[in-house]
Protein backbone atom coordinates (compact mmCIF):
# COMPACT_ATOMS: atom_id res chain seq x y z
CA MET A 1 17.84 -14.14 -5.56
CA GLU A 2 18.49 -14.84 -2.43
CA LEU A 3 15.79 -16.40 -0.67
CA LYS A 4 14.56 -14.24 1.63
CA TYR A 5 13.20 -12.46 -1.82
CA ARG A 6 11.90 -15.13 -3.42
CA ASN A 7 9.88 -16.25 0.08
CA ILE A 8 8.42 -13.25 -0.01
CA PHE A 9 7.43 -13.55 -3.74
CA LEU A 10 5.57 -17.27 -2.91
CA LEU A 11 3.84 -15.34 0.27
CA LEU A 12 2.53 -12.65 -2.55
CA PHE A 13 1.24 -15.40 -4.61
CA LEU A 14 -0.07 -17.24 -2.10
CA LEU A 15 -2.24 -14.32 -0.90
CA ALA A 16 -3.03 -13.09 -4.85
CA PHE A 17 -4.89 -16.44 -5.32
CA ILE A 18 -6.68 -16.13 -2.20
CA ALA A 19 -7.63 -12.36 -3.03
CA THR A 20 -8.50 -13.81 -6.32
CA ILE A 21 -11.59 -16.90 -5.41
CA VAL A 22 -12.45 -13.98 -2.54
CA VAL A 23 -13.05 -11.39 -5.54
CA TYR A 24 -14.58 -13.55 -7.38
CA PHE A 25 -17.75 -14.33 -5.33
CA SER A 26 -17.48 -10.52 -3.03
CA SER A 27 -17.74 -8.55 -6.35
CA GLY A 28 -20.89 -10.75 -7.59
CA ARG A 29 -18.72 -12.58 -9.92
CA ASP A 30 -17.03 -9.45 -11.68
CA MET A 31 -14.81 -11.09 -13.76
CA ARG A 32 -12.79 -7.92 -14.43
CA LEU A 33 -11.47 -7.62 -11.08
CA THR A 34 -10.62 -11.23 -11.04
CA TRP A 35 -8.45 -11.22 -13.86
CA TYR A 36 -7.24 -8.09 -11.91
CA PHE A 37 -5.92 -10.71 -9.11
CA GLY A 38 -5.24 -13.70 -11.01
CA GLY A 39 -2.79 -11.45 -13.48
CA ALA A 40 -0.88 -10.52 -10.06
CA ALA A 41 -0.41 -14.19 -9.14
CA ILE A 42 0.26 -15.63 -12.25
CA LEU A 43 3.48 -12.28 -12.36
CA PHE A 44 3.86 -13.34 -8.46
CA TYR A 45 4.15 -16.64 -9.81
CA LEU A 46 6.65 -16.57 -12.39
CA ILE A 47 9.00 -14.07 -10.62
CA TYR A 48 9.03 -17.10 -7.60
CA ARG A 49 9.31 -20.00 -10.53
CA PHE A 50 11.93 -18.41 -12.50
CA THR A 51 14.65 -16.55 -10.09
CA LYS A 52 16.37 -19.92 -8.89
CA LYS A 53 19.99 -18.91 -8.31
């Protein structure tokens, strides 16, 4: 995968990680929403990590 696309997935991972923390505290500690954003963060990280040239 090209470096440009890998960097997009890294940015998406960072945004999802921050969103996980924000959603946890702003939604009254609703774990359902937190797991959705956490799962997205994990998915973006795995895509970033295992798509080297």
